[in-house]
Amino acid sequence: MGFVTVENGLYEELSSEITKGREGIQTKKIILLMLFCFTLILSACSQGEEDKQGFSGVISDGDTMGYEYTVTKEQRSFSWKVGYRGDTTIIKESTANKNDLENFRTAVNDSKEVLGKLIISVSYFLIVIITTLTLYKKKRKMLKEVSVVIAVLAGFAFYIAVESSFDLNSSLRDAKHYYLILTK
C-alpha cells in the first residue's frame, strides 16, 4: 500500500551511513568538550609572573639518613634550613653559598635515591636466595637445571647492591662535606 520495500543490502548500507554520521557528530562533540576542559585547566594552572614573585612558602625539602634540608622562599629571598640528626641551622642564600647549598641538596637527594636502589637490590637478592633454598629442599633435580640462571640473578642483585652501597657512601660523604662547610 503506502509502504516502500527496501532490499536487505540497501537497508544495511543506509543504516550504517546514518550510524556513522551520528558517531562522527558525537566524536566531534567529545573532542570539542575535551579541548574546552583542557583550556580551562591550563588557564587555571598557569600563573602570571606577578603571581610568582609574591609567593612565600616551602619550595622543596628532603631528608635521608639524618641529613635534611628545607628551602623556603620569603618574598624575593631564599632561606635554607639544613640539619643533621636534629641539629638544624637556618641559612640565608647568597651568591657566596648558593653552590654549596645546591650541592648539599643534590647530595641528600642522591643519597635518598641510592638508598632506595640499595633496599630494592638487597630485597631482590634475598628473594633469589630464599627461592634457591626452597628449591634445594623440595626439588633438587630442578635446582640443578636452573642453577646457572639462579647464579646469574643472584650475581646481578649482589653487584647492584655493592655498587649502590659504594654510591650511598659517596653521597653521604658529600652531604657531610657540604653540611660542615655550610655550618661553619
C-alpha atoms as a PDB file:
ATOM      1  CA  MET A   1       0.000   0.000   0.000  1.00  0.00           C
ATOM      2  CA  GLY A   2       1.930   3.023   1.117  1.00  0.00           C
ATOM      3  CA  PHE A   3       4.992   1.090   2.257  1.00  0.00           C
ATOM      4  CA  VAL A   4       8.225   1.197   0.348  1.00  0.00           C
ATOM      5  CA  THR A   5      10.186  -2.012   0.341  1.00  0.00           C
ATOM      6  CA  VAL A   6      13.966  -1.771   0.506  1.00  0.00           C
ATOM      7  CA  GLU A   7      16.236  -4.655  -0.208  1.00  0.00           C
ATOM      8  CA  ASN A   8      18.270  -6.006   2.741  1.00  0.00           C
ATOM      9  CA  GLY A   9      21.670  -4.865   1.399  1.00  0.00           C
ATOM     10  CA  LEU A  10      20.461  -1.344   0.687  1.00  0.00           C
ATOM     11  CA  TYR A  11      18.802  -1.111   4.112  1.00  0.00           C
ATOM     12  CA  GLU A  12      22.008  -2.160   5.916  1.00  0.00           C
ATOM     13  CA  GLU A  13      24.031   0.324   3.871  1.00  0.00           C
ATOM     14  CA  LEU A  14      21.665   3.191   4.710  1.00  0.00           C
ATOM     15  CA  SER A  15      21.607   2.156   8.354  1.00  0.00           C
ATOM     16  CA  SER A  16      25.415   2.103   8.609  1.00  0.00           C
ATOM     17  CA  GLU A  17      25.683   5.539   6.949  1.00  0.00           C
ATOM     18  CA  ILE A  18      23.245   7.001   9.482  1.00  0.00           C
ATOM     19  CA  THR A  19      25.163   5.391  12.364  1.00  0.00           C
ATOM     20  CA  LYS A  20      28.496   6.704  11.039  1.00  0.00           C
ATOM     21  CA  GLY A  21      27.038  10.171  10.816  1.00  0.00           C
ATOM     22  CA  ARG A  22      25.848  10.054  14.426  1.00  0.00           C
ATOM     23  CA  GLU A  23      29.174   8.655  15.669  1.00  0.00           C
ATOM     24  CA  GLY A  24      31.072  11.380  13.811  1.00  0.00           C
ATOM     25  CA  ILE A  25      28.948  14.096  15.395  1.00  0.00           C
ATOM     26  CA  GLN A  26      29.396  12.545  18.855  1.00  0.00           C
ATOM     27  CA  THR A  27      33.142  12.270  18.344  1.00  0.00           C
ATOM     28  CA  LYS A  28      33.354  15.928  17.334  1.00  0.00           C
ATOM     29  CA  LYS A  29      31.341  16.931  20.412  1.00  0.00           C
ATOM     30  CA  ILE A  30      33.628  14.930  22.677  1.00  0.00           C
ATOM     31  CA  ILE A  31      36.750  16.442  21.131  1.00  0.00           C
ATOM     32  CA  LEU A  32      35.372  19.964  21.486  1.00  0.00           C
ATOM     33  CA  LEU A  33      34.410  19.289  25.103  1.00  0.00           C
ATOM     34  CA  MET A  34      37.899  17.940  25.839  1.00  0.00           C
ATOM     35  CA  LEU A  35      39.554  20.984  24.245  1.00  0.00           C
ATOM     36  CA  PHE A  36      37.330  23.298  26.251  1.00  0.00           C
ATOM     37  CA  CYS A  37      38.142  21.473  29.510  1.00  0.00           C
ATOM     38  CA  PHE A  38      41.854  21.455  28.687  1.00  0.00           C
ATOM     39  CA  THR A  39      41.756  25.211  28.089  1.00  0.00           C
ATOM     40  CA  LEU A  40      40.069  25.795  31.440  1.00  0.00           C
ATOM     41  CA  ILE A  41      42.537  23.598  33.282  1.00  0.00           C
ATOM     42  CA  LEU A  42      45.507  25.229  31.567  1.00  0.00           C
ATOM     43  CA  SER A  43      44.333  28.733  32.384  1.00  0.00           C
ATOM     44  CA  ALA A  44      43.605  27.780  35.998  1.00  0.00           C
ATOM     45  CA  CYS A  45      47.033  26.206  36.500  1.00  0.00           C
ATOM     46  CA  SER A  46      49.144  28.907  34.914  1.00  0.00           C
ATOM     47  CA  GLN A  47      50.378  31.807  36.984  1.00  0.00           C
ATOM     48  CA  GLY A  48      51.442  35.199  35.806  1.00  0.00           C
ATOM     49  CA  GLU A  49      54.905  36.496  36.618  1.00  0.00           C
ATOM     50  CA  GLU A  50      53.447  38.866  39.200  1.00  0.00           C
ATOM     51  CA  ASP A  51      51.814  35.934  40.998  1.00  0.00           C
ATOM     52  CA  LYS A  52      55.117  34.047  41.231  1.00  0.00           C
ATOM     53  CA  GLN A  53      57.052  36.950  42.720  1.00  0.00           C
ATOM     54  CA  GLY A  54      54.732  37.324  45.699  1.00  0.00           C
ATOM     55  CA  PHE A  55      54.824  33.619  46.631  1.00  0.00           C
ATOM     56  CA  SER A  56      56.172  32.768  50.057  1.00  0.00           C
ATOM     57  CA  GLY A  57      56.464  29.282  51.468  1.00  0.00           C
ATOM     58  CA  VAL A  58      58.299  25.981  51.323  1.00  0.00           C
ATOM     59  CA  ILE A  59      59.660  25.255  47.861  1.00  0.00           C
ATOM     60  CA  SER A  60      61.334  21.908  48.477  1.00  0.00           C
ATOM     61  CA  ASP A  61      62.560  19.686  51.237  1.00  0.00           C
ATOM     62  CA  GLY A  62      64.293  16.383  51.634  1.00  0.00           C
ATOM     63  CA  ASP A  63      65.902  14.134  54.168  1.00  0.00           C
ATOM     64  CA  THR A  64      67.820  10.893  54.301  1.00  0.00           C
ATOM     65  CA  MET A  65      69.846   9.082  56.933  1.00  0.00           C
ATOM     66  CA  GLY A  66      69.894  12.054  59.293  1.00  0.00           C
ATOM     67  CA  TYR A  67      70.642  14.803  56.765  1.00  0.00           C
ATOM     68  CA  GLU A  68      67.815  17.179  55.948  1.00  0.00           C
ATOM     69  CA  TYR A  69      67.081  20.424  54.170  1.00  0.00           C
ATOM     70  CA  THR A  70      64.112  22.713  53.612  1.00  0.00           C
ATOM     71  CA  VAL A  71      64.110  25.558  51.098  1.00  0.00           C
ATOM     72  CA  THR A  72      61.734  28.422  51.891  1.00  0.00           C
ATOM     73  CA  LYS A  73      61.045  31.445  49.724  1.00  0.00           C
ATOM     74  CA  GLU A  74      60.346  34.683  51.549  1.00  0.00           C
ATOM     75  CA  GLN A  75      59.295  37.354  49.041  1.00  0.00           C
ATOM     76  CA  ARG A  76      62.459  37.695  46.938  1.00  0.00           C
ATOM     77  CA  SER A  77      64.990  35.753  49.041  1.00  0.00           C
ATOM     78  CA  PHE A  78      65.518  32.114  49.898  1.00  0.00           C
ATOM     79  CA  SER A  79      66.306  30.644  53.277  1.00  0.00           C
ATOM     80  CA  TRP A  80      67.553  27.117  53.807  1.00  0.00           C
ATOM     81  CA  LYS A  81      67.164  25.013  56.911  1.00  0.00           C
ATOM     82  CA  VAL A  82      69.914  22.394  56.825  1.00  0.00           C
ATOM     83  CA  GLY A  83      70.438  19.825  59.516  1.00  0.00           C
ATOM     84  CA  TYR A  84      71.932  16.586  60.665  1.00  0.00           C
ATOM     85  CA  ARG A  85      70.222  14.433  63.293  1.00  0.00           C
ATOM     86  CA  GLY A  86      68.134  17.235  64.762  1.00  0.00           C
ATOM     87  CA  ASP A  87      70.871  19.878  64.787  1.00  0.00           C
ATOM     88  CA  THR A  88      69.472  22.425  62.322  1.00  0.00           C
ATOM     89  CA  THR A  89      70.807  25.712  61.056  1.00  0.00           C
ATOM     90  CA  ILE A  90      68.923  28.359  59.079  1.00  0.00           C
ATOM     91  CA  ILE A  91      70.990  29.930  56.307  1.00  0.00           C
ATOM     92  CA  LYS A  92      70.065  32.815  54.005  1.00  0.00           C
ATOM     93  CA  GLU A  93      71.001  32.056  50.404  1.00  0.00           C
ATOM     94  CA  SER A  94      73.625  34.363  48.921  1.00  0.00           C
ATOM     95  CA  THR A  95      75.867  34.234  45.902  1.00  0.00           C
ATOM     96  CA  ALA A  96      78.712  33.043  48.154  1.00  0.00           C
ATOM     97  CA  ASN A  97      76.894  29.969  49.478  1.00  0.00           C
ATOM     98  CA  LYS A  98      74.454  29.181  46.663  1.00  0.00           C
ATOM     99  CA  ASN A  99      76.599  26.440  45.076  1.00  0.00           C
ATOM    100  CA  ASP A 100      77.264  24.769  48.428  1.00  0.00           C
ATOM    101  CA  LEU A 101      73.548  24.778  49.282  1.00  0.00           C
ATOM    102  CA  GLU A 102      72.635  23.292  45.916  1.00  0.00           C
ATOM    103  CA  ASN A 103      75.372  20.667  46.236  1.00  0.00           C
ATOM    104  CA  PHE A 104      74.096  19.750  49.715  1.00  0.00           C
ATOM    105  CA  ARG A 105      70.570  19.383  48.336  1.00  0.00           C
ATOM    106  CA  THR A 106      71.855  17.229  45.460  1.00  0.00           C
ATOM    107  CA  ALA A 107      73.849  15.019  47.838  1.00  0.00           C
ATOM    108  CA  VAL A 108      70.832  14.490  50.109  1.00  0.00           C
ATOM    109  CA  ASN A 109      68.531  13.717  47.170  1.00  0.00           C
ATOM    110  CA  ASP A 110      71.088  11.364  45.609  1.00  0.00           C
ATOM    111  CA  SER A 111      71.527   9.589  48.943  1.00  0.00           C
ATOM    112  CA  LYS A 112      67.796   9.034  49.197  1.00  0.00           C
ATOM    113  CA  GLU A 113      67.613   7.675  45.644  1.00  0.00           C
ATOM    114  CA  VAL A 114      70.604   5.361  46.092  1.00  0.00           C
ATOM    115  CA  LEU A 115      69.256   4.129  49.441  1.00  0.00           C
ATOM    116  CA  GLY A 116      66.040   3.095  47.693  1.00  0.00           C
ATOM    117  CA  LYS A 117      68.047   1.330  44.992  1.00  0.00           C
ATOM    118  CA  LEU A 118      70.081  -0.466  47.669  1.00  0.00           C
ATOM    119  CA  ILE A 119      66.963  -1.626  49.520  1.00  0.00           C
ATOM    120  CA  ILE A 120      65.396  -2.941  46.305  1.00  0.00           C
ATOM    121  CA  SER A 121      68.543  -4.797  45.206  1.00  0.00           C
ATOM    122  CA  VAL A 122      69.075  -6.384  48.630  1.00  0.00           C
ATOM    123  CA  SER A 123      65.408  -7.415  48.713  1.00  0.00           C
ATOM    124  CA  TYR A 124      65.775  -8.945  45.256  1.00  0.00           C
ATOM    125  CA  PHE A 125      68.913 -10.785  46.359  1.00  0.00           C
ATOM    126  CA  LEU A 126      67.088 -12.176  49.405  1.00  0.00           C
ATOM    127  CA  ILE A 127      64.177 -13.325  47.234  1.00  0.00           C
ATOM    128  CA  VAL A 128      66.589 -15.184  44.952  1.00  0.00           C
ATOM    129  CA  ILE A 129      68.314 -16.799  47.960  1.00  0.00           C
ATOM    130  CA  ILE A 130      65.001 -17.837  49.567  1.00  0.00           C
ATOM    131  CA  THR A 131      63.788 -19.261  46.253  1.00  0.00           C
ATOM    132  CA  THR A 132      67.048 -21.181  45.865  1.00  0.00           C
ATOM    133  CA  LEU A 133      66.799 -22.639  49.371  1.00  0.00           C
ATOM    134  CA  THR A 134      63.188 -23.661  48.755  1.00  0.00           C
ATOM    135  CA  LEU A 135      64.138 -25.390  45.509  1.00  0.00           C
ATOM    136  CA  TYR A 136      67.069 -27.062  47.244  1.00  0.00           C
ATOM    137  CA  LYS A 137      64.826 -28.560  49.925  1.00  0.00           C
ATOM    138  CA  LYS A 138      61.968 -29.619  47.659  1.00  0.00           C
ATOM    139  CA  LYS A 139      63.264 -30.266  44.146  1.00  0.00           C
ATOM    140  CA  ARG A 140      66.982 -30.838  43.918  1.00  0.00           C
ATOM    141  CA  LYS A 141      66.813 -32.002  40.311  1.00  0.00           C
ATOM    142  CA  MET A 142      65.098 -28.805  39.254  1.00  0.00           C
ATOM    143  CA  LEU A 143      67.719 -26.772  41.124  1.00  0.00           C
ATOM    144  CA  LYS A 144      70.482 -28.423  39.101  1.00  0.00           C
ATOM    145  CA  GLU A 145      68.734 -27.487  35.861  1.00  0.00           C
ATOM    146  CA  VAL A 146      68.273 -23.816  36.702  1.00  0.00           C
ATOM    147  CA  SER A 147      71.392 -23.267  38.772  1.00  0.00           C
ATOM    148  CA  VAL A 148      73.072 -21.143  36.090  1.00  0.00           C
ATOM    149  CA  VAL A 149      70.064 -18.822  35.847  1.00  0.00           C
ATOM    150  CA  ILE A 150      69.855 -18.526  39.639  1.00  0.00           C
ATOM    151  CA  ALA A 151      73.583 -17.781  39.857  1.00  0.00           C
ATOM    152  CA  VAL A 152      73.268 -15.029  37.236  1.00  0.00           C
ATOM    153  CA  LEU A 153      70.274 -13.477  39.014  1.00  0.00           C
ATOM    154  CA  ALA A 154      71.982 -13.621  42.401  1.00  0.00           C
ATOM    155  CA  GLY A 155      75.192 -12.201  40.949  1.00  0.00           C
ATOM    156  CA  PHE A 156      73.321  -9.357  39.296  1.00  0.00           C
ATOM    157  CA  ALA A 157      71.485  -8.492  42.522  1.00  0.00           C
ATOM    158  CA  PHE A 158      74.699  -8.695  44.535  1.00  0.00           C
ATOM    159  CA  TYR A 159      76.558  -6.474  42.056  1.00  0.00           C
ATOM    160  CA  ILE A 160      73.828  -3.812  42.125  1.00  0.00           C
ATOM    161  CA  ALA A 161      73.742  -3.934  45.949  1.00  0.00           C
ATOM    162  CA  VAL A 162      77.519  -3.489  46.248  1.00  0.00           C
ATOM    163  CA  GLU A 163      77.560  -0.695  43.683  1.00  0.00           C
ATOM    164  CA  SER A 164      74.671   1.042  45.464  1.00  0.00           C
ATOM    165  CA  SER A 165      76.402   0.789  48.829  1.00  0.00           C
ATOM    166  CA  PHE A 166      79.502   2.490  47.409  1.00  0.00           C
ATOM    167  CA  ASP A 167      77.338   5.192  45.796  1.00  0.00           C
ATOM    168  CA  LEU A 168      75.467   5.702  49.075  1.00  0.00           C
ATOM    169  CA  ASN A 169      78.719   6.038  50.966  1.00  0.00           C
ATOM    170  CA  SER A 170      79.960   8.615  48.452  1.00  0.00           C
ATOM    171  CA  SER A 171      76.718  10.616  48.560  1.00  0.00           C
ATOM    172  CA  LEU A 172      76.701  10.646  52.356  1.00  0.00           C
ATOM    173  CA  ARG A 173      80.315  11.823  52.400  1.00  0.00           C
ATOM    174  CA  ASP A 174      79.356  14.641  50.015  1.00  0.00           C
ATOM    175  CA  ALA A 175      76.395  15.583  52.213  1.00  0.00           C
ATOM    176  CA  LYS A 176      78.645  15.616  55.288  1.00  0.00           C
ATOM    177  CA  HIS A 177      81.266  17.713  53.472  1.00  0.00           C
ATOM    178  CA  TYR A 178      78.776  20.374  52.352  1.00  0.00           C
ATOM    179  CA  TYR A 179      76.978  20.330  55.707  1.00  0.00           C
ATOM    180  CA  LEU A 180      80.241  21.081  57.510  1.00  0.00           C
ATOM    181  CA  ILE A 181      81.067  23.865  55.028  1.00  0.00           C
ATOM    182  CA  LEU A 182      77.638  25.423  55.473  1.00  0.00           C
ATOM    183  CA  THR A 183      77.505  25.269  59.261  1.00  0.00           C
ATOM    184  CA  LYS A 184      80.989  26.670  59.996  1.00  0.00           C
END
